[in-house]
Amino acid sequence: MAVKTSFYGSIDFSKLLEQAKAGNKAFTKNENGKIYLNVRVWVNDEKDNYGNDASFQSNFKGATKEDRFYFGNLKESVAVEEPLTSNDIPDAGDLPF
């Protein structure tokens, strides 16, 4: 089974609204009436200065550097495992059943 990597992070929703209202070409309206944002997501080889492993940026075909904007970052989720000690395991007499 393949090992899966998960990430957590945040998206600057205010930035998305600002850019959508400004008419940024990365936003498109579909025939169904829904609005979509074309994005580029990448995973860095090394963490950035803030410990981020990945980033979100708007993108569309033919976009110039001025058309693109960053709107979020991600960090790799790390499982926190604490070893059990004998104190963590209740005695059979302490169980409610």
N, C-alpha and C. Protein backbone atom coordinates (compact mmCIF):
# COMPACT_ATOMS: atom_id res chain seq x y z
N MET A 1 0.84 -1.18 0.00
CA MET A 1 0.00 0.00 0.00
C MET A 1 0.89 1.24 0.00
N ALA A 2 0.57 2.19 -0.83
CA ALA A 2 1.36 3.40 -0.95
C ALA A 2 1.20 4.28 0.28
N VAL A 3 2.28 4.93 0.64
CA VAL A 3 2.25 5.88 1.75
C VAL A 3 1.66 7.19 1.22
N LYS A 4 0.67 7.71 1.93
CA LYS A 4 0.02 8.95 1.50
C LYS A 4 0.51 10.09 2.37
N THR A 5 0.73 11.22 1.76
CA THR A 5 1.13 12.41 2.48
C THR A 5 -0.05 13.36 2.52
N SER A 6 -0.36 13.84 3.69
CA SER A 6 -1.45 14.81 3.79
C SER A 6 -0.87 16.14 4.27
N PHE A 7 -1.59 17.20 3.96
CA PHE A 7 -1.15 18.54 4.29
C PHE A 7 -2.30 19.29 4.95
N TYR A 8 -1.97 20.27 5.74
CA TYR A 8 -2.96 21.18 6.29
C TYR A 8 -2.47 22.60 6.03
N GLY A 9 -3.37 23.55 6.03
CA GLY A 9 -2.95 24.92 5.79
C GLY A 9 -4.13 25.86 5.77
N SER A 10 -3.92 26.99 5.13
CA SER A 10 -4.98 27.99 5.07
C SER A 10 -4.97 28.67 3.71
N ILE A 11 -6.14 29.19 3.39
CA ILE A 11 -6.33 29.95 2.15
C ILE A 11 -6.79 31.34 2.53
N ASP A 12 -6.21 32.35 1.91
CA ASP A 12 -6.57 33.74 2.17
C ASP A 12 -7.85 34.05 1.39
N PHE A 13 -8.99 33.83 2.02
CA PHE A 13 -10.27 34.02 1.36
C PHE A 13 -10.50 35.49 0.97
N SER A 14 -10.02 36.41 1.78
CA SER A 14 -10.14 37.84 1.45
C SER A 14 -9.42 38.16 0.14
N LYS A 15 -8.25 37.55 -0.06
CA LYS A 15 -7.48 37.75 -1.30
C LYS A 15 -8.26 37.21 -2.49
N LEU A 16 -8.92 36.06 -2.32
CA LEU A 16 -9.71 35.48 -3.41
C LEU A 16 -10.87 36.42 -3.79
N LEU A 17 -11.57 36.91 -2.79
CA LEU A 17 -12.68 37.84 -3.07
C LEU A 17 -12.19 39.11 -3.76
N GLU A 18 -11.10 39.65 -3.26
CA GLU A 18 -10.52 40.87 -3.83
C GLU A 18 -10.17 40.67 -5.30
N GLN A 19 -9.51 39.57 -5.62
CA GLN A 19 -9.09 39.30 -6.99
C GLN A 19 -10.28 38.97 -7.89
N ALA A 20 -11.27 38.28 -7.36
CA ALA A 20 -12.47 37.97 -8.15
C ALA A 20 -13.21 39.25 -8.51
N LYS A 21 -13.37 40.14 -7.53
CA LYS A 21 -14.06 41.42 -7.77
C LYS A 21 -13.29 42.31 -8.74
N ALA A 22 -11.95 42.16 -8.74
CA ALA A 22 -11.10 42.94 -9.64
C ALA A 22 -11.11 42.38 -11.06
N GLY A 23 -11.77 41.22 -11.25
CA GLY A 23 -11.86 40.64 -12.59
C GLY A 23 -10.65 39.84 -13.02
N ASN A 24 -9.89 39.30 -12.07
CA ASN A 24 -8.72 38.51 -12.42
C ASN A 24 -9.13 37.36 -13.34
N LYS A 25 -8.36 37.16 -14.41
CA LYS A 25 -8.70 36.18 -15.44
C LYS A 25 -8.58 34.73 -14.98
N ALA A 26 -8.03 34.51 -13.79
CA ALA A 26 -7.93 33.14 -13.28
C ALA A 26 -9.30 32.62 -12.85
N PHE A 27 -10.27 33.53 -12.68
CA PHE A 27 -11.63 33.14 -12.32
C PHE A 27 -12.46 32.99 -13.59
N THR A 28 -13.22 31.92 -13.66
CA THR A 28 -14.09 31.70 -14.81
C THR A 28 -15.48 31.29 -14.32
N LYS A 29 -16.48 31.65 -15.09
CA LYS A 29 -17.85 31.27 -14.75
C LYS A 29 -18.29 30.21 -15.74
N ASN A 30 -18.71 29.08 -15.21
CA ASN A 30 -19.11 27.94 -16.02
C ASN A 30 -20.56 28.12 -16.48
N GLU A 31 -20.95 27.33 -17.47
CA GLU A 31 -22.33 27.36 -17.97
C GLU A 31 -23.34 27.07 -16.86
N ASN A 32 -22.91 26.29 -15.86
CA ASN A 32 -23.80 25.95 -14.75
C ASN A 32 -23.94 27.08 -13.73
N GLY A 33 -23.25 28.20 -13.98
CA GLY A 33 -23.33 29.36 -13.10
C GLY A 33 -22.30 29.37 -11.99
N LYS A 34 -21.57 28.28 -11.83
CA LYS A 34 -20.57 28.22 -10.77
C LYS A 34 -19.29 28.94 -11.21
N ILE A 35 -18.62 29.54 -10.23
CA ILE A 35 -17.38 30.26 -10.49
C ILE A 35 -16.21 29.39 -10.03
N TYR A 36 -15.22 29.27 -10.90
CA TYR A 36 -14.05 28.45 -10.63
C TYR A 36 -12.79 29.30 -10.64
N LEU A 37 -11.80 28.87 -9.87
CA LEU A 37 -10.49 29.52 -9.85
C LEU A 37 -9.47 28.52 -10.34
N ASN A 38 -8.74 28.86 -11.38
CA ASN A 38 -7.66 28.01 -11.88
C ASN A 38 -6.45 28.22 -10.97
N VAL A 39 -5.89 27.12 -10.50
CA VAL A 39 -4.80 27.20 -9.54
C VAL A 39 -3.61 26.37 -9.94
N ARG A 40 -2.52 26.69 -9.31
CA ARG A 40 -1.28 25.92 -9.41
C ARG A 40 -0.88 25.60 -7.97
N VAL A 41 -0.62 24.35 -7.69
CA VAL A 41 -0.19 23.92 -6.36
C VAL A 41 1.14 23.21 -6.54
N TRP A 42 2.09 23.51 -5.69
CA TRP A 42 3.34 22.80 -5.79
C TRP A 42 3.89 22.50 -4.39
N VAL A 43 4.71 21.46 -4.34
CA VAL A 43 5.37 21.05 -3.11
C VAL A 43 6.83 21.45 -3.23
N ASN A 44 7.29 22.17 -2.23
CA ASN A 44 8.68 22.65 -2.22
C ASN A 44 9.66 21.52 -1.90
N ASP A 45 10.88 21.61 -2.41
CA ASP A 45 11.92 20.65 -2.06
C ASP A 45 12.33 20.81 -0.60
N GLU A 46 12.29 22.07 -0.13
CA GLU A 46 12.63 22.38 1.26
C GLU A 46 11.58 23.32 1.81
N LYS A 47 11.39 23.31 3.12
CA LYS A 47 10.45 24.22 3.75
C LYS A 47 10.88 25.67 3.50
N ASP A 48 9.90 26.57 3.38
CA ASP A 48 10.26 27.98 3.23
C ASP A 48 10.58 28.57 4.61
N ASN A 49 10.78 29.89 4.65
CA ASN A 49 11.14 30.56 5.91
C ASN A 49 10.07 30.45 6.99
N TYR A 50 8.85 30.08 6.61
CA TYR A 50 7.75 29.98 7.57
C TYR A 50 7.37 28.53 7.85
N GLY A 51 8.15 27.59 7.35
CA GLY A 51 7.89 26.17 7.59
C GLY A 51 6.87 25.56 6.65
N ASN A 52 6.51 26.27 5.57
CA ASN A 52 5.53 25.75 4.62
C ASN A 52 6.18 24.77 3.66
N ASP A 53 5.43 23.72 3.35
CA ASP A 53 5.90 22.70 2.42
C ASP A 53 5.33 22.87 1.02
N ALA A 54 4.21 23.57 0.90
CA ALA A 54 3.54 23.72 -0.39
C ALA A 54 2.81 25.06 -0.44
N SER A 55 2.47 25.50 -1.65
CA SER A 55 1.80 26.80 -1.82
C SER A 55 0.73 26.72 -2.90
N PHE A 56 -0.22 27.66 -2.82
CA PHE A 56 -1.26 27.85 -3.83
C PHE A 56 -1.00 29.16 -4.57
N GLN A 57 -1.22 29.14 -5.87
CA GLN A 57 -1.11 30.35 -6.67
C GLN A 57 -2.16 30.28 -7.76
N SER A 58 -2.75 31.43 -8.11
CA SER A 58 -3.68 31.45 -9.23
C SER A 58 -2.89 31.24 -10.51
N ASN A 59 -3.56 30.71 -11.52
CA ASN A 59 -2.86 30.45 -12.77
C ASN A 59 -3.88 30.24 -13.88
N PHE A 60 -3.54 30.61 -15.07
CA PHE A 60 -4.34 30.31 -16.24
C PHE A 60 -3.43 30.39 -17.46
N LYS A 61 -3.86 29.80 -18.54
CA LYS A 61 -3.05 29.77 -19.75
C LYS A 61 -2.77 31.19 -20.21
N GLY A 62 -1.51 31.48 -20.42
CA GLY A 62 -1.10 32.80 -20.88
C GLY A 62 -0.94 33.83 -19.78
N ALA A 63 -1.06 33.42 -18.51
CA ALA A 63 -0.95 34.37 -17.40
C ALA A 63 0.46 34.94 -17.31
N THR A 64 0.53 36.22 -17.06
CA THR A 64 1.81 36.87 -16.82
C THR A 64 2.08 36.85 -15.33
N LYS A 65 3.27 37.23 -14.95
CA LYS A 65 3.63 37.27 -13.52
C LYS A 65 2.68 38.19 -12.76
N GLU A 66 2.27 39.27 -13.37
CA GLU A 66 1.36 40.23 -12.74
C GLU A 66 -0.05 39.67 -12.56
N ASP A 67 -0.44 38.72 -13.41
CA ASP A 67 -1.78 38.12 -13.33
C ASP A 67 -1.90 37.13 -12.17
N ARG A 68 -0.79 36.55 -11.76
CA ARG A 68 -0.80 35.50 -10.74
C ARG A 68 -0.74 36.10 -9.34
N PHE A 69 -1.37 35.41 -8.39
CA PHE A 69 -1.28 35.84 -7.00
C PHE A 69 -1.27 34.62 -6.10
N TYR A 70 -0.55 34.73 -5.00
CA TYR A 70 -0.49 33.66 -4.00
C TYR A 70 -1.67 33.83 -3.05
N PHE A 71 -2.27 32.71 -2.64
CA PHE A 71 -3.39 32.84 -1.73
C PHE A 71 -3.43 31.76 -0.65
N GLY A 72 -2.38 30.97 -0.51
CA GLY A 72 -2.38 29.99 0.57
C GLY A 72 -1.12 29.16 0.62
N ASN A 73 -0.93 28.54 1.76
CA ASN A 73 0.22 27.67 1.99
C ASN A 73 -0.21 26.43 2.74
N LEU A 74 0.62 25.40 2.64
CA LEU A 74 0.34 24.13 3.31
C LEU A 74 1.58 23.63 4.04
N LYS A 75 1.33 22.91 5.12
CA LYS A 75 2.39 22.23 5.85
C LYS A 75 2.04 20.75 5.90
N GLU A 76 3.07 19.91 5.91
CA GLU A 76 2.82 18.48 5.96
C GLU A 76 2.26 18.10 7.32
N SER A 77 1.21 17.29 7.30
CA SER A 77 0.64 16.78 8.55
C SER A 77 1.55 15.69 9.08
N VAL A 78 1.83 15.75 10.35
CA VAL A 78 2.69 14.76 10.97
C VAL A 78 1.89 14.09 12.08
N ALA A 79 1.83 12.78 12.03
CA ALA A 79 1.12 12.03 13.06
C ALA A 79 1.84 12.18 14.38
N VAL A 80 1.06 12.43 15.41
CA VAL A 80 1.63 12.53 16.75
C VAL A 80 1.29 11.25 17.49
N GLU A 81 2.31 10.51 17.78
CA GLU A 81 2.11 9.25 18.49
C GLU A 81 2.83 9.32 19.82
N GLU A 82 2.08 9.12 20.87
CA GLU A 82 2.68 9.08 22.20
C GLU A 82 2.72 7.64 22.66
N PRO A 83 3.85 7.17 23.11
CA PRO A 83 3.94 5.78 23.55
C PRO A 83 3.09 5.55 24.79
N LEU A 84 2.47 4.39 24.84
CA LEU A 84 1.69 4.01 26.01
C LEU A 84 2.61 3.56 27.13
N THR A 85 2.18 3.86 28.32
CA THR A 85 2.88 3.32 29.48
C THR A 85 1.90 2.43 30.23
N SER A 86 2.37 1.69 31.18
CA SER A 86 1.48 0.82 31.94
C SER A 86 0.42 1.62 32.69
N ASN A 87 0.70 2.87 33.00
CA ASN A 87 -0.28 3.73 33.69
C ASN A 87 -1.46 4.10 32.79
N ASP A 88 -1.28 4.02 31.46
CA ASP A 88 -2.34 4.37 30.52
C ASP A 88 -3.38 3.26 30.37
N ILE A 89 -3.04 2.06 30.78
CA ILE A 89 -3.93 0.91 30.60
C ILE A 89 -4.62 0.61 31.92
N PRO A 90 -5.96 0.69 31.94
CA PRO A 90 -6.68 0.47 33.21
C PRO A 90 -6.61 -0.99 33.63
N ASP A 91 -6.71 -1.18 34.93
CA ASP A 91 -6.82 -2.54 35.46
C ASP A 91 -8.17 -3.11 35.08
N ALA A 92 -8.24 -4.40 34.92
CA ALA A 92 -9.49 -5.04 34.52
C ALA A 92 -10.62 -4.71 35.50
N GLY A 93 -10.31 -4.55 36.78
CA GLY A 93 -11.32 -4.22 37.78
C GLY A 93 -11.86 -2.79 37.63
N ASP A 94 -11.15 -1.92 36.92
CA ASP A 94 -11.59 -0.53 36.74
C ASP A 94 -12.49 -0.35 35.53
N LEU A 95 -12.65 -1.36 34.71
CA LEU A 95 -13.47 -1.26 33.50
C LEU A 95 -14.96 -1.22 33.86
N PRO A 96 -15.76 -0.44 33.16
CA PRO A 96 -17.19 -0.28 33.50
C PRO A 96 -18.05 -1.46 33.07
N PHE A 97 -17.50 -2.50 32.52
CA PHE A 97 -18.31 -3.64 32.08
C PHE A 97 -17.80 -4.93 32.66
